[in-house]
Protein backbone atom coordinates (compact mmCIF):
# COMPACT_ATOMS: atom_id res chain seq x y z
CA MET A 1 21.18 103.96 78.90
CA THR A 2 23.09 104.42 82.19
CA THR A 3 21.55 101.66 84.98
CA LEU A 4 22.12 103.36 88.00
CA PRO A 5 23.50 101.73 91.12
CA SER A 6 21.95 99.33 93.69
CA ARG A 7 20.80 99.63 96.78
CA ALA A 8 23.38 97.47 97.69
CA GLU A 9 26.37 99.02 95.21
CA ARG A 10 25.49 102.44 97.15
CA ARG A 11 26.23 101.01 100.95
CA ALA A 12 29.30 99.17 99.41
CA TRP A 13 30.29 102.39 98.24
CA TRP A 14 29.92 104.13 101.34
CA GLN A 15 31.61 101.71 103.23
CA GLN A 16 34.65 101.91 100.96
CA LEU A 17 34.72 105.81 101.05
CA LEU A 18 34.66 105.38 105.35
CA ALA A 19 36.90 103.17 105.52
CA PRO A 20 39.58 104.70 107.41
CA VAL A 21 36.65 106.21 109.49
CA LEU A 22 34.97 103.09 110.38
CA VAL A 23 38.12 100.96 111.41
CA ARG A 24 38.91 102.40 114.58
CA TYR A 25 40.45 99.11 116.69
CA ASP A 26 43.84 98.78 114.60
CA ARG A 27 45.38 102.06 116.43
CA GLU A 28 44.06 100.31 119.69
CA LEU A 29 45.26 97.02 118.74
CA VAL A 30 49.21 99.52 117.46
CA ALA A 31 49.08 100.76 120.44
CA ALA A 32 48.67 97.66 122.97
CA LEU A 33 50.95 95.47 121.33
CA ARG A 34 54.18 98.27 121.58
CA ARG A 35 56.66 97.56 123.63
CA PRO A 36 58.70 100.05 124.99
CA GLY A 37 60.87 102.02 122.77
CA GLU A 38 60.44 99.22 119.87
CA PRO A 39 60.23 100.52 117.05
CA VAL A 40 57.31 101.61 114.54
CA VAL A 41 57.86 98.86 110.91
CA ARG A 42 57.31 101.76 107.77
CA PRO A 43 56.13 100.04 105.18
CA SER A 44 57.34 100.44 101.32
CA ARG A 45 54.75 100.16 99.03
CA ILE A 46 55.83 97.66 96.29
CA THR A 47 53.14 96.94 92.44
CA LEU A 48 52.39 93.31 91.80
CA THR A 49 51.16 92.41 88.23
CA THR A 50 47.56 90.17 87.99
CA ARG A 51 45.38 88.77 85.54
CA HIS A 52 42.90 91.82 86.50
CA GLY A 53 45.26 94.60 86.66
CA PRO A 54 48.22 95.25 88.85
CA VAL A 55 47.45 94.79 92.65
CA ARG A 56 49.58 97.38 95.31
CA ALA A 57 50.65 96.21 98.29
CA LEU A 58 52.64 97.25 101.51
CA LEU A 59 55.24 95.42 102.22
CA TYR A 60 56.13 94.92 106.45
CA ALA A 61 60.07 94.17 106.59
CA PRO A 62 62.63 94.09 109.39
CA ALA A 63 64.77 97.48 109.20
CA GLU A 64 67.38 95.57 108.52
CA HIS A 65 68.67 92.73 107.22
CA ARG A 66 69.68 90.99 103.82
CA GLY A 67 67.52 89.36 101.32
CA GLY A 68 65.73 86.62 101.29
CA LEU A 69 63.21 87.26 104.20
CA PRO A 70 60.44 84.45 105.03
CA VAL A 71 57.12 86.28 103.91
CA HIS A 72 53.20 86.67 104.82
CA VAL A 73 50.86 87.41 103.16
CA HIS A 74 47.64 88.73 105.40
CA LEU A 75 44.03 89.80 103.37
CA HIS A 76 42.45 92.48 105.55
CA GLY A 77 38.29 91.59 106.07
CA GLY A 78 36.03 93.76 104.85
CA ALA A 79 33.06 91.85 103.82
CA PHE A 80 34.53 92.13 100.00
CA VAL A 81 33.85 95.88 99.59
CA MET A 82 36.00 97.37 102.10
CA ARG A 83 38.86 98.31 100.76
CA HIS A 84 41.80 99.25 103.09
CA PRO A 85 44.85 97.33 103.71
CA ARG A 86 46.19 99.37 106.84
CA MET A 87 42.80 98.10 108.80
CA ASP A 88 45.66 95.37 109.81
CA GLU A 89 48.31 96.72 110.09
CA PHE A 90 48.69 95.70 113.80
CA VAL A 91 49.17 91.79 112.34
CA ALA A 92 52.12 93.01 110.24
CA GLN A 93 54.06 94.70 112.78
CA HIS A 94 53.56 92.11 115.42
CA LEU A 95 54.34 89.21 113.34
CA VAL A 96 57.51 91.64 111.95
CA ASP A 97 58.68 92.57 115.33
CA ARG A 98 58.42 88.95 116.59
CA LEU A 99 59.52 86.80 113.92
CA GLY A 100 61.96 88.99 111.78
CA ILE A 101 60.31 87.95 108.94
CA ALA A 102 58.07 90.24 105.44
CA VAL A 103 54.43 90.91 105.70
CA LEU A 104 53.06 91.58 102.67
CA LEU A 105 49.02 93.30 102.85
CA PRO A 106 47.20 93.66 99.46
CA ASP A 107 45.65 95.76 98.71
CA TYR A 108 42.90 93.90 96.50
CA HIS A 109 40.34 95.10 94.77
CA VAL A 110 36.77 94.94 95.96
CA ALA A 111 33.03 95.75 94.99
CA PRO A 112 30.89 96.55 93.51
CA GLN A 113 33.98 98.05 91.24
CA VAL A 114 34.49 94.30 90.66
CA ARG A 115 32.64 90.66 91.25
CA TRP A 116 34.00 87.08 91.59
CA PRO A 117 36.16 86.02 91.00
CA VAL A 118 38.96 88.44 90.42
CA ALA A 119 39.97 89.08 94.35
CA HIS A 120 40.64 85.12 94.45
CA GLU A 121 42.61 85.62 91.85
CA GLN A 122 43.99 88.30 91.87
CA VAL A 123 45.52 87.15 95.29
CA HIS A 124 46.78 83.91 93.73
CA ASP A 125 48.38 85.79 91.16
CA VAL A 126 50.05 88.38 93.84
CA LEU A 127 51.43 84.71 95.40
CA LEU A 128 52.53 83.54 92.23
CA ARG A 129 54.77 86.64 91.41
CA LEU A 130 56.43 86.40 94.88
CA ALA A 131 57.15 82.94 93.96
CA GLU A 132 59.01 83.88 90.77
CA ASP A 133 59.78 87.59 91.10
CA GLY A 134 60.32 87.38 95.74
CA PRO A 135 63.97 88.03 95.19
CA HIS A 136 63.29 91.83 93.47
CA TRP A 137 61.60 92.64 96.81
CA HIS A 138 64.45 90.72 98.73
CA LEU A 139 62.36 87.86 99.63
CA ASP A 140 62.76 84.60 99.53
CA PRO A 141 60.07 82.65 96.70
CA THR A 142 60.28 78.87 98.52
CA ARG A 143 59.02 80.63 102.08
CA ILE A 144 55.83 82.15 101.32
CA SER A 145 52.84 81.53 103.28
CA VAL A 146 49.12 83.56 103.42
CA GLY A 147 46.19 84.33 106.03
CA GLY A 148 43.48 86.45 106.23
CA PHE A 149 40.55 87.48 108.20
CA SER A 150 36.74 86.73 107.73
CA SER A 151 36.47 87.29 103.91
CA GLY A 152 40.03 87.56 103.63
CA GLY A 153 39.94 84.07 105.24
CA ASN A 154 37.57 82.96 102.31
CA LEU A 155 40.25 84.37 100.20
CA ALA A 156 43.34 83.11 101.82
CA ALA A 157 41.88 79.80 101.72
CA ALA A 158 40.85 80.07 98.04
CA ALA A 159 43.75 80.80 97.35
CA ALA A 160 45.70 77.82 98.76
CA LEU A 161 43.08 75.83 97.43
CA LEU A 162 44.00 77.57 93.60
CA ALA A 163 48.06 77.04 94.57
CA ARG A 164 47.55 73.06 95.05
CA ASP A 165 44.69 72.75 92.14
CA THR A 166 46.99 74.85 89.45
CA GLY A 167 50.60 73.44 90.66
CA GLY A 168 51.66 77.24 92.42
CA PRO A 169 53.29 78.00 94.47
CA ARG A 170 53.85 76.00 97.40
CA LEU A 171 52.81 77.30 100.99
CA ARG A 172 54.56 76.59 104.27
CA ALA A 173 51.30 77.92 105.54
CA LEU A 174 47.60 79.42 106.04
CA THR A 175 46.06 81.59 108.77
CA LEU A 176 42.65 81.76 109.08
CA GLY A 177 40.84 84.37 111.84
CA VAL A 178 37.12 84.27 111.89
CA PRO A 179 37.37 83.45 108.41
CA SER A 180 33.84 83.38 106.25
CA LEU A 181 34.35 80.43 104.38
CA ASP A 182 30.22 79.58 103.10
CA VAL A 183 28.63 82.30 101.18
CA ALA A 184 26.34 80.24 100.46
CA GLY A 185 24.33 79.21 103.82
CA THR A 186 21.78 81.38 104.83
CA TRP A 187 21.93 83.35 108.06
CA ALA A 188 19.43 81.79 110.02
CA GLU A 189 21.70 78.17 109.32
CA LYS A 190 24.49 79.79 110.22
CA ALA A 191 22.78 81.62 113.70
CA ALA A 192 21.09 77.82 114.49
CA SER A 193 24.26 76.56 115.85
CA LEU A 194 25.61 79.62 118.34
CA PRO A 195 23.78 79.79 122.07
CA VAL A 196 20.00 80.60 122.23
CA GLY A 197 19.34 84.04 122.86
CA ALA A 198 23.13 85.25 120.93
CA ARG A 199 22.66 88.15 119.07
CA PRO A 200 25.80 88.29 116.67
CA MET A 201 27.31 91.10 115.04
CA LEU A 202 27.02 90.15 112.05
CA GLY A 203 23.15 90.72 110.66
CA SER A 204 21.63 89.70 107.98
CA GLY A 205 22.64 92.99 105.89
CA VAL A 206 25.73 91.63 106.09
CA LEU A 207 24.88 88.50 104.12
CA GLU A 208 23.10 89.76 101.96
CA LEU A 209 25.82 92.90 101.03
CA VAL A 210 28.47 90.54 100.06
CA ARG A 211 25.39 88.26 97.53
CA SER A 212 24.26 91.08 96.60
CA THR A 213 27.79 92.59 95.52
CA TYR A 214 30.85 90.65 95.13
CA PHE A 215 28.76 87.19 94.89
CA SER A 216 26.01 88.63 92.75
CA ALA A 217 26.25 85.37 90.54
CA PRO A 218 24.58 82.80 92.32
CA ALA A 219 26.90 79.19 91.18
CA ALA A 220 29.62 81.52 92.73
CA ARG A 221 28.51 81.50 96.41
CA ARG A 222 28.85 77.32 95.83
CA SER A 223 31.69 76.94 93.84
CA THR A 224 35.12 75.28 95.40
CA TYR A 225 37.03 78.90 95.92
CA GLY A 226 33.82 81.18 96.83
CA SER A 227 33.05 78.84 99.69
CA PRO A 228 36.41 76.93 100.31
CA LEU A 229 34.36 74.73 102.96
CA LEU A 230 31.90 73.60 100.22
CA ALA A 231 35.65 72.33 98.33
CA PRO A 232 35.51 68.57 97.09
CA SER A 233 38.23 67.60 98.91
CA VAL A 234 40.78 69.93 102.03
CA ASP A 235 43.31 67.23 101.21
CA ARG A 236 47.17 68.48 100.97
CA LEU A 237 46.71 72.05 101.95
CA PRO A 238 50.32 73.65 103.64
CA PRO A 239 49.40 73.47 107.83
CA THR A 240 46.79 74.92 108.95
CA LEU A 241 45.93 77.51 111.76
CA VAL A 242 41.68 78.52 112.16
CA VAL A 243 40.80 80.50 114.80
CA THR A 244 37.58 80.70 115.47
CA ALA A 245 34.89 83.06 118.24
CA GLU A 246 32.76 81.40 120.48
CA HIS A 247 30.01 83.91 119.98
CA ASP A 248 31.03 84.63 115.95
CA LEU A 249 28.28 83.91 113.38
CA LEU A 250 31.34 82.19 111.25
CA ARG A 251 32.28 80.24 113.65
CA GLU A 252 30.56 76.59 112.96
CA GLU A 253 31.92 77.31 109.34
CA GLY A 254 35.67 77.60 110.80
CA GLU A 255 35.19 74.72 112.45
CA ARG A 256 33.78 72.85 110.13
CA PHE A 257 36.95 73.37 107.98
CA ALA A 258 39.21 72.31 110.92
CA SER A 259 37.49 69.50 110.79
CA ARG A 260 37.34 68.08 107.17
CA LEU A 261 41.86 69.30 107.59
CA ASP A 262 41.83 67.19 110.23
CA GLY A 263 40.35 64.67 108.37
CA ALA A 264 41.82 64.82 105.70
CA GLY A 265 44.94 64.64 106.91
CA VAL A 266 46.44 67.85 106.52
CA ALA A 267 48.57 69.70 109.92
CA VAL A 268 45.51 71.88 111.38
CA HIS A 269 45.19 74.00 114.54
CA HIS A 270 41.98 74.94 115.82
CA HIS A 271 41.69 77.63 118.59
CA ARG A 272 38.53 79.30 119.62
CA VAL A 273 38.63 82.31 121.53
CA ARG A 274 35.96 82.28 124.42
CA GLY A 275 33.37 84.86 125.29
CA ARG A 276 34.09 86.52 121.82
CA ASP A 277 32.02 87.47 118.84
CA HIS A 278 33.57 88.42 115.28
CA TYR A 279 35.95 91.51 116.30
CA PHE A 280 37.78 88.78 118.37
CA LEU A 281 40.79 90.81 119.51
CA ASP A 282 41.30 93.70 121.96
CA PRO A 283 43.78 95.46 123.09
CA THR A 284 43.41 92.44 126.91
CA ASN A 285 44.27 89.66 124.25
CA VAL A 286 45.48 91.14 121.43
CA VAL A 287 49.57 90.02 122.80
CA ALA A 288 47.99 86.19 123.48
CA GLU A 289 45.82 85.90 119.79
CA LEU A 290 48.69 87.09 117.89
CA ASP A 291 51.44 85.13 119.91
CA LEU A 292 50.04 81.89 118.84
CA LEU A 293 49.70 83.24 114.99
CA ALA A 294 53.50 83.96 115.22
CA ALA A 295 53.81 80.64 116.89
CA HIS A 296 52.28 78.85 114.06
CA LEU A 297 54.65 80.55 111.97
CA ARG A 298 57.91 80.50 113.45
CA THR A 299 57.84 76.60 112.64
CA THR A 300 55.94 76.24 109.61
CA LEU A 301 57.67 79.09 107.65
CA ALA A 302 60.21 81.53 109.58
């Protein structure tokens, strides 16, 4: 007997299909970041093995390098249902230009094709492959960092916790932009921390989509790696940058995570973007915000 896809699964399918059309900000930000005469970094395509099958990725690197490059793994957002690594190509371009490092954008698997914990374990395994086989791609296996935006921030924080708890790899840095770190809390609980009258762009439907597809198992939502904010301990994580936005539904969980890191003795820098919602970057501020990211990686990774 064939089971028909649910309404949430159909919505997830459509978002995946339309992602290259729906995501427009990336082109504007690439244009805002590019300096006169600056060459465009063309990525190479590589494939990394994981316990859940091969994961393709885009690898950005300086045009001329002799190998042994530090590598930052950046994970795009999209509520665990969108699959479009190139949406954050502007991050890779900027970091390669500013720091001369390599940046990897993995095409991790999403719902409804997979459920928790597939994407989380794939990301951790990608980090393991870089630590084991980095020289094959002219990368330094001892200088790896991970980060992401929104749901990608969830995956990055979980990967850092997994690396800590399972013996590696050793990460040099963690970067979290408007991260989703608590998928167990309700929309009303999250919205309660915002200013009176605030209307966050992340509506209750987005949270319901996440829970109905990737996190369909209730126990996963409260697990250490599903909701990193709820982890029993956050000690021994790498130096971390946490960026939140003043009007973002996810602001409080990001700031609570930064506070927990500080209390655990982890080197952490928290930056709140004033007057912005979940889409915290636009052509007017993207250079300053990504320069903050570059500064964090310059001191920890590069």
